[in-house]
Amino acid sequence: MGGESDETLASTEISREHIVADRKTSVGLASLAGDAFLCERLNIRPIEWRALRSLQPPNGLTREGYLVVLLALRGHRAT
């Protein structure tokens, strides 16, 4: 996958494997996606991967930063 256009990625399902394979993935998100056990336990859905992948903070996020955003997204969805 890595190297496909943003337009192509927008029209496909985003999975943990897609995130890991994409060379443009940030270090923090790649670290999260690389932990298969954690991702399985969290049951991260394709729409959540897409939301996390869309973030472009100026200084990047750590793996923990992406986890915080994921939990915030889920908290917002529940209310």
PDB file of N, CA and C in Angstrom:
ATOM      1  N   MET A   1       0.791  -1.188   0.000  1.00  0.00           N
ATOM      2  CA  MET A   1       0.000   0.000   0.000  1.00  0.00           C
ATOM      3  C   MET A   1       0.837   1.256   0.000  1.00  0.00           C
ATOM      4  N   GLY A   2       1.727   1.421   0.943  1.00  0.00           N
ATOM      5  CA  GLY A   2       2.443   2.660   1.129  1.00  0.00           C
ATOM      6  C   GLY A   2       2.722   3.395  -0.171  1.00  0.00           C
ATOM      7  N   GLY A   3       2.386   4.628  -0.259  1.00  0.00           N
ATOM      8  CA  GLY A   3       2.597   5.394  -1.450  1.00  0.00           C
ATOM      9  C   GLY A   3       1.334   5.663  -2.239  1.00  0.00           C
ATOM     10  N   GLU A   4       0.222   5.065  -1.837  1.00  0.00           N
ATOM     11  CA  GLU A   4      -1.028   5.348  -2.525  1.00  0.00           C
ATOM     12  C   GLU A   4      -1.485   6.756  -2.174  1.00  0.00           C
ATOM     13  N   SER A   5      -2.235   7.347  -3.077  1.00  0.00           N
ATOM     14  CA  SER A   5      -2.690   8.716  -2.856  1.00  0.00           C
ATOM     15  C   SER A   5      -3.708   8.784  -1.733  1.00  0.00           C
ATOM     16  N   ASP A   6      -3.848   9.966  -1.158  1.00  0.00           N
ATOM     17  CA  ASP A   6      -4.852  10.175  -0.120  1.00  0.00           C
ATOM     18  C   ASP A   6      -6.243   9.894  -0.661  1.00  0.00           C
ATOM     19  N   GLU A   7      -6.469  10.221  -1.938  1.00  0.00           N
ATOM     20  CA  GLU A   7      -7.772   9.984  -2.555  1.00  0.00           C
ATOM     21  C   GLU A   7      -8.080   8.488  -2.613  1.00  0.00           C
ATOM     22  N   THR A   8      -7.084   7.678  -2.979  1.00  0.00           N
ATOM     23  CA  THR A   8      -7.272   6.234  -3.023  1.00  0.00           C
ATOM     24  C   THR A   8      -7.559   5.699  -1.628  1.00  0.00           C
ATOM     25  N   LEU A   9      -6.813   6.156  -0.642  1.00  0.00           N
ATOM     26  CA  LEU A   9      -7.014   5.698   0.721  1.00  0.00           C
ATOM     27  C   LEU A   9      -8.372   6.107   1.261  1.00  0.00           C
ATOM     28  N   ALA A  10      -8.865   7.254   0.849  1.00  0.00           N
ATOM     29  CA  ALA A  10     -10.164   7.729   1.327  1.00  0.00           C
ATOM     30  C   ALA A  10     -11.295   6.839   0.853  1.00  0.00           C
ATOM     31  N   SER A  11     -11.089   6.133  -0.245  1.00  0.00           N
ATOM     32  CA  SER A  11     -12.157   5.296  -0.786  1.00  0.00           C
ATOM     33  C   SER A  11     -12.031   3.835  -0.364  1.00  0.00           C
ATOM     34  N   THR A  12     -11.051   3.505   0.475  1.00  0.00           N
ATOM     35  CA  THR A  12     -10.857   2.128   0.922  1.00  0.00           C
ATOM     36  C   THR A  12     -11.039   2.034   2.424  1.00  0.00           C
ATOM     37  N   GLU A  13     -11.290   0.820   2.877  1.00  0.00           N
ATOM     38  CA  GLU A  13     -11.369   0.576   4.309  1.00  0.00           C
ATOM     39  C   GLU A  13      -9.983   0.730   4.914  1.00  0.00           C
ATOM     40  N   ILE A  14      -9.911   1.410   6.024  1.00  0.00           N
ATOM     41  CA  ILE A  14      -8.639   1.580   6.719  1.00  0.00           C
ATOM     42  C   ILE A  14      -8.591   0.552   7.845  1.00  0.00           C
ATOM     43  N   SER A  15      -7.518  -0.202   7.881  1.00  0.00           N
ATOM     44  CA  SER A  15      -7.333  -1.200   8.932  1.00  0.00           C
ATOM     45  C   SER A  15      -5.969  -0.998   9.569  1.00  0.00           C
ATOM     46  N   ARG A  16      -5.745  -1.725  10.623  1.00  0.00           N
ATOM     47  CA  ARG A  16      -4.447  -1.681  11.299  1.00  0.00           C
ATOM     48  C   ARG A  16      -3.333  -2.007  10.300  1.00  0.00           C
ATOM     49  N   GLU A  17      -3.561  -2.998   9.457  1.00  0.00           N
ATOM     50  CA  GLU A  17      -2.558  -3.417   8.481  1.00  0.00           C
ATOM     51  C   GLU A  17      -2.259  -2.302   7.474  1.00  0.00           C
ATOM     52  N   HIS A  18      -3.302  -1.566   7.064  1.00  0.00           N
ATOM     53  CA  HIS A  18      -3.102  -0.446   6.148  1.00  0.00           C
ATOM     54  C   HIS A  18      -2.235   0.637   6.801  1.00  0.00           C
ATOM     55  N   ILE A  19      -2.521   0.913   8.056  1.00  0.00           N
ATOM     56  CA  ILE A  19      -1.769   1.938   8.778  1.00  0.00           C
ATOM     57  C   ILE A  19      -0.297   1.552   8.866  1.00  0.00           C
ATOM     58  N   VAL A  20      -0.022   0.302   9.196  1.00  0.00           N
ATOM     59  CA  VAL A  20       1.356  -0.176   9.332  1.00  0.00           C
ATOM     60  C   VAL A  20       2.083  -0.131   7.983  1.00  0.00           C
ATOM     61  N   ALA A  21       1.391  -0.493   6.912  1.00  0.00           N
ATOM     62  CA  ALA A  21       2.022  -0.575   5.590  1.00  0.00           C
ATOM     63  C   ALA A  21       2.248   0.780   4.932  1.00  0.00           C
ATOM     64  N   ASP A  22       1.529   1.791   5.357  1.00  0.00           N
ATOM     65  CA  ASP A  22       1.623   3.108   4.721  1.00  0.00           C
ATOM     66  C   ASP A  22       2.880   3.830   5.182  1.00  0.00           C
ATOM     67  N   ARG A  23       3.778   4.109   4.264  1.00  0.00           N
ATOM     68  CA  ARG A  23       5.046   4.787   4.601  1.00  0.00           C
ATOM     69  C   ARG A  23       4.835   6.196   5.136  1.00  0.00           C
ATOM     70  N   LYS A  24       3.670   6.790   4.870  1.00  0.00           N
ATOM     71  CA  LYS A  24       3.398   8.150   5.324  1.00  0.00           C
ATOM     72  C   LYS A  24       2.855   8.194   6.754  1.00  0.00           C
ATOM     73  N   THR A  25       2.587   7.037   7.340  1.00  0.00           N
ATOM     74  CA  THR A  25       2.034   6.984   8.690  1.00  0.00           C
ATOM     75  C   THR A  25       3.022   7.568   9.690  1.00  0.00           C
ATOM     76  N   SER A  26       2.504   8.390  10.596  1.00  0.00           N
ATOM     77  CA  SER A  26       3.368   8.985  11.620  1.00  0.00           C
ATOM     78  C   SER A  26       3.925   7.903  12.536  1.00  0.00           C
ATOM     79  N   VAL A  27       5.020   8.205  13.173  1.00  0.00           N
ATOM     80  CA  VAL A  27       5.689   7.240  14.055  1.00  0.00           C
ATOM     81  C   VAL A  27       4.760   6.788  15.186  1.00  0.00           C
ATOM     82  N   GLY A  28       4.063   7.737  15.814  1.00  0.00           N
ATOM     83  CA  GLY A  28       3.183   7.398  16.934  1.00  0.00           C
ATOM     84  C   GLY A  28       2.026   6.505  16.518  1.00  0.00           C
ATOM     85  N   LEU A  29       1.415   6.800  15.376  1.00  0.00           N
ATOM     86  CA  LEU A  29       0.302   5.984  14.897  1.00  0.00           C
ATOM     87  C   LEU A  29       0.795   4.616  14.441  1.00  0.00           C
ATOM     88  N   ALA A  30       1.950   4.576  13.808  1.00  0.00           N
ATOM     89  CA  ALA A  30       2.532   3.300  13.404  1.00  0.00           C
ATOM     90  C   ALA A  30       2.845   2.435  14.622  1.00  0.00           C
ATOM     91  N   SER A  31       3.294   3.069  15.696  1.00  0.00           N
ATOM     92  CA  SER A  31       3.580   2.344  16.925  1.00  0.00           C
ATOM     93  C   SER A  31       2.308   1.723  17.509  1.00  0.00           C
ATOM     94  N   LEU A  32       1.236   2.497  17.511  1.00  0.00           N
ATOM     95  CA  LEU A  32      -0.043   1.975  17.992  1.00  0.00           C
ATOM     96  C   LEU A  32      -0.514   0.827  17.100  1.00  0.00           C
ATOM     97  N   ALA A  33      -0.508   1.047  15.794  1.00  0.00           N
ATOM     98  CA  ALA A  33      -0.984   0.032  14.857  1.00  0.00           C
ATOM     99  C   ALA A  33      -0.107  -1.222  14.882  1.00  0.00           C
ATOM    100  N   GLY A  34       1.157  -1.052  15.218  1.00  0.00           N
ATOM    101  CA  GLY A  34       2.071  -2.181  15.272  1.00  0.00           C
ATOM    102  C   GLY A  34       1.851  -3.107  16.448  1.00  0.00           C
ATOM    103  N   ASP A  35       1.065  -2.680  17.418  1.00  0.00           N
ATOM    104  CA  ASP A  35       0.773  -3.508  18.596  1.00  0.00           C
ATOM    105  C   ASP A  35      -0.541  -4.246  18.360  1.00  0.00           C
ATOM    106  N   ALA A  36      -0.436  -5.396  17.699  1.00  0.00           N
ATOM    107  CA  ALA A  36      -1.627  -6.169  17.308  1.00  0.00           C
ATOM    108  C   ALA A  36      -2.472  -6.551  18.514  1.00  0.00           C
ATOM    109  N   PHE A  37      -1.846  -6.934  19.606  1.00  0.00           N
ATOM    110  CA  PHE A  37      -2.594  -7.351  20.791  1.00  0.00           C
ATOM    111  C   PHE A  37      -3.430  -6.191  21.336  1.00  0.00           C
ATOM    112  N   LEU A  38      -2.810  -5.033  21.500  1.00  0.00           N
ATOM    113  CA  LEU A  38      -3.522  -3.864  22.020  1.00  0.00           C
ATOM    114  C   LEU A  38      -4.665  -3.461  21.084  1.00  0.00           C
ATOM    115  N   CYS A  39      -4.379  -3.431  19.790  1.00  0.00           N
ATOM    116  CA  CYS A  39      -5.411  -3.044  18.817  1.00  0.00           C
ATOM    117  C   CYS A  39      -6.586  -4.021  18.843  1.00  0.00           C
ATOM    118  N   GLU A  40      -6.290  -5.288  19.004  1.00  0.00           N
ATOM    119  CA  GLU A  40      -7.361  -6.284  19.083  1.00  0.00           C
ATOM    120  C   GLU A  40      -8.200  -6.074  20.346  1.00  0.00           C
ATOM    121  N   ARG A  41      -7.538  -5.822  21.451  1.00  0.00           N
ATOM    122  CA  ARG A  41      -8.254  -5.596  22.707  1.00  0.00           C
ATOM    123  C   ARG A  41      -9.106  -4.327  22.651  1.00  0.00           C
ATOM    124  N   LEU A  42      -8.608  -3.299  21.969  1.00  0.00           N
ATOM    125  CA  LEU A  42      -9.345  -2.041  21.853  1.00  0.00           C
ATOM    126  C   LEU A  42     -10.424  -2.106  20.769  1.00  0.00           C
ATOM    127  N   ASN A  43     -10.316  -3.102  19.889  1.00  0.00           N
ATOM    128  CA  ASN A  43     -11.276  -3.273  18.801  1.00  0.00           C
ATOM    129  C   ASN A  43     -11.451  -1.964  18.019  1.00  0.00           C
ATOM    130  N   ILE A  44     -10.332  -1.433  17.536  1.00  0.00           N
ATOM    131  CA  ILE A  44     -10.358  -0.157  16.806  1.00  0.00           C
ATOM    132  C   ILE A  44     -11.020  -0.389  15.449  1.00  0.00           C
ATOM    133  N   ARG A  45     -12.062   0.380  15.199  1.00  0.00           N
ATOM    134  CA  ARG A  45     -12.851   0.231  13.972  1.00  0.00           C
ATOM    135  C   ARG A  45     -12.243   1.034  12.823  1.00  0.00           C
ATOM    136  N   PRO A  46     -12.551   0.664  11.582  1.00  0.00           N
ATOM    137  CA  PRO A  46     -12.013   1.387  10.427  1.00  0.00           C
ATOM    138  C   PRO A  46     -12.276   2.892  10.484  1.00  0.00           C
ATOM    139  N   ILE A  47     -13.437   3.303  10.916  1.00  0.00           N
ATOM    140  CA  ILE A  47     -13.734   4.743  10.996  1.00  0.00           C
ATOM    141  C   ILE A  47     -12.832   5.426  12.027  1.00  0.00           C
ATOM    142  N   GLU A  48     -12.472   4.704  13.085  1.00  0.00           N
ATOM    143  CA  GLU A  48     -11.561   5.274  14.093  1.00  0.00           C
ATOM    144  C   GLU A  48     -10.138   5.368  13.533  1.00  0.00           C
ATOM    145  N   TRP A  49      -9.706   4.343  12.788  1.00  0.00           N
ATOM    146  CA  TRP A  49      -8.388   4.416  12.150  1.00  0.00           C
ATOM    147  C   TRP A  49      -8.346   5.610  11.204  1.00  0.00           C
ATOM    148  N   ARG A  50      -9.425   5.805  10.457  1.00  0.00           N
ATOM    149  CA  ARG A  50      -9.474   6.928   9.506  1.00  0.00           C
ATOM    150  C   ARG A  50      -9.365   8.260  10.260  1.00  0.00           C
ATOM    151  N   ALA A  51     -10.069   8.388  11.372  1.00  0.00           N
ATOM    152  CA  ALA A  51     -10.015   9.621  12.167  1.00  0.00           C
ATOM    153  C   ALA A  51      -8.609   9.848  12.720  1.00  0.00           C
ATOM    154  N   LEU A  52      -8.000   8.806  13.249  1.00  0.00           N
ATOM    155  CA  LEU A  52      -6.649   8.940  13.800  1.00  0.00           C
ATOM    156  C   LEU A  52      -5.652   9.287  12.702  1.00  0.00           C
ATOM    157  N   ARG A  53      -5.798   8.658  11.547  1.00  0.00           N
ATOM    158  CA  ARG A  53      -4.890   8.902  10.435  1.00  0.00           C
ATOM    159  C   ARG A  53      -5.022  10.330   9.906  1.00  0.00           C
ATOM    160  N   SER A  54      -6.192  10.920  10.050  1.00  0.00           N
ATOM    161  CA  SER A  54      -6.422  12.262   9.513  1.00  0.00           C
ATOM    162  C   SER A  54      -5.762  13.365  10.337  1.00  0.00           C
ATOM    163  N   LEU A  55      -5.366  13.057  11.566  1.00  0.00           N
ATOM    164  CA  LEU A  55      -4.746  14.065  12.428  1.00  0.00           C
ATOM    165  C   LEU A  55      -3.378  14.465  11.892  1.00  0.00           C
ATOM    166  N   GLN A  56      -3.102  15.751  11.936  1.00  0.00           N
ATOM    167  CA  GLN A  56      -1.802  16.255  11.494  1.00  0.00           C
ATOM    168  C   GLN A  56      -1.290  17.324  12.459  1.00  0.00           C
ATOM    169  N   PRO A  57      -1.050  16.938  13.711  1.00  0.00           N
ATOM    170  CA  PRO A  57      -0.551  17.937  14.666  1.00  0.00           C
ATOM    171  C   PRO A  57       0.863  18.371  14.267  1.00  0.00           C
ATOM    172  N   PRO A  58       1.206  19.623  14.525  1.00  0.00           N
ATOM    173  CA  PRO A  58       2.499  20.154  14.076  1.00  0.00           C
ATOM    174  C   PRO A  58       3.709  19.388  14.618  1.00  0.00           C
ATOM    175  N   ASN A  59       3.626  18.888  15.826  1.00  0.00           N
ATOM    176  CA  ASN A  59       4.765  18.171  16.413  1.00  0.00           C
ATOM    177  C   ASN A  59       4.536  16.677  16.503  1.00  0.00           C
ATOM    178  N   GLY A  60       3.501  16.183  15.842  1.00  0.00           N
ATOM    179  CA  GLY A  60       3.201  14.757  15.885  1.00  0.00           C
ATOM    180  C   GLY A  60       2.634  14.346  17.234  1.00  0.00           C
ATOM    181  N   LEU A  61       2.192  13.117  17.301  1.00  0.00           N
ATOM    182  CA  LEU A  61       1.690  12.552  18.548  1.00  0.00           C
ATOM    183  C   LEU A  61       2.433  11.262  18.842  1.00  0.00           C
ATOM    184  N   THR A  62       2.546  10.959  20.095  1.00  0.00           N
ATOM    185  CA  THR A  62       3.114   9.675  20.496  1.00  0.00           C
ATOM    186  C   THR A  62       2.019   8.613  20.410  1.00  0.00           C
ATOM    187  N   ARG A  63       2.407   7.396  20.602  1.00  0.00           N
ATOM    188  CA  ARG A  63       1.428   6.298  20.662  1.00  0.00           C
ATOM    189  C   ARG A  63       0.380   6.592  21.726  1.00  0.00           C
ATOM    190  N   GLU A  64       0.829   7.059  22.885  1.00  0.00           N
ATOM    191  CA  GLU A  64      -0.086   7.382  23.973  1.00  0.00           C
ATOM    192  C   GLU A  64      -1.010   8.533  23.595  1.00  0.00           C
ATOM    193  N   GLY A  65      -0.478   9.492  22.843  1.00  0.00           N
ATOM    194  CA  GLY A  65      -1.286  10.607  22.374  1.00  0.00           C
ATOM    195  C   GLY A  65      -2.427  10.134  21.485  1.00  0.00           C
ATOM    196  N   TYR A  66      -2.135   9.194  20.595  1.00  0.00           N
ATOM    197  CA  TYR A  66      -3.189   8.636  19.743  1.00  0.00           C
ATOM    198  C   TYR A  66      -4.209   7.862  20.563  1.00  0.00           C
ATOM    199  N   LEU A  67      -3.761   7.182  21.608  1.00  0.00           N
ATOM    200  CA  LEU A  67      -4.697   6.479  22.484  1.00  0.00           C
ATOM    201  C   LEU A  67      -5.635   7.456  23.182  1.00  0.00           C
ATOM    202  N   VAL A  68      -5.099   8.581  23.635  1.00  0.00           N
ATOM    203  CA  VAL A  68      -5.916   9.600  24.293  1.00  0.00           C
ATOM    204  C   VAL A  68      -6.965  10.133  23.317  1.00  0.00           C
ATOM    205  N   VAL A  69      -6.555  10.399  22.086  1.00  0.00           N
ATOM    206  CA  VAL A  69      -7.501  10.886  21.077  1.00  0.00           C
ATOM    207  C   VAL A  69      -8.572   9.837  20.806  1.00  0.00           C
ATOM    208  N   LEU A  70      -8.174   8.575  20.690  1.00  0.00           N
ATOM    209  CA  LEU A  70      -9.141   7.502  20.460  1.00  0.00           C
ATOM    210  C   LEU A  70     -10.173   7.454  21.587  1.00  0.00           C
ATOM    211  N   LEU A  71      -9.697   7.523  22.808  1.00  0.00           N
ATOM    212  CA  LEU A  71     -10.618   7.486  23.947  1.00  0.00           C
ATOM    213  C   LEU A  71     -11.514   8.719  23.977  1.00  0.00           C
ATOM    214  N   ALA A  72     -10.980   9.868  23.603  1.00  0.00           N
ATOM    215  CA  ALA A  72     -11.792  11.086  23.532  1.00  0.00           C
ATOM    216  C   ALA A  72     -12.877  10.946  22.461  1.00  0.00           C
ATOM    217  N   LEU A  73     -12.507  10.390  21.306  1.00  0.00           N
ATOM    218  CA  LEU A  73     -13.488  10.162  20.247  1.00  0.00           C
ATOM    219  C   LEU A  73     -14.602   9.221  20.726  1.00  0.00           C
ATOM    220  N   ARG A  74     -14.218   8.195  21.407  1.00  0.00           N
ATOM    221  CA  ARG A  74     -15.210   7.237  21.906  1.00  0.00           C
ATOM    222  C   ARG A  74     -16.064   7.858  22.988  1.00  0.00           C
ATOM    223  N   GLY A  75     -15.492   8.687  23.821  1.00  0.00           N
ATOM    224  CA  GLY A  75     -16.253   9.365  24.862  1.00  0.00           C
ATOM    225  C   GLY A  75     -17.259  10.335  24.271  1.00  0.00           C
ATOM    226  N   HIS A  76     -16.853  11.022  23.226  1.00  0.00           N
ATOM    227  CA  HIS A  76     -17.746  11.964  22.552  1.00  0.00           C
ATOM    228  C   HIS A  76     -18.909  11.230  21.885  1.00  0.00           C
ATOM    229  N   ARG A  77     -18.605  10.092  21.289  1.00  0.00           N
ATOM    230  CA  ARG A  77     -19.616   9.293  20.602  1.00  0.00           C
ATOM    231  C   ARG A  77     -20.653   8.764  21.571  1.00  0.00           C
ATOM    232  N   ALA A  78     -20.232   8.483  22.820  1.00  0.00           N
ATOM    233  CA  ALA A  78     -21.135   7.870  23.799  1.00  0.00           C
ATOM    234  C   ALA A  78     -22.114   8.875  24.387  1.00  0.00           C
ATOM    235  N   THR A  79     -21.853  10.165  24.283  1.00  0.00           N
ATOM    236  CA  THR A  79     -22.719  11.165  24.888  1.00  0.00           C
ATOM    237  C   THR A  79     -23.787  11.656  23.944  1.00  0.00           C
TER     238      THR A  79
END
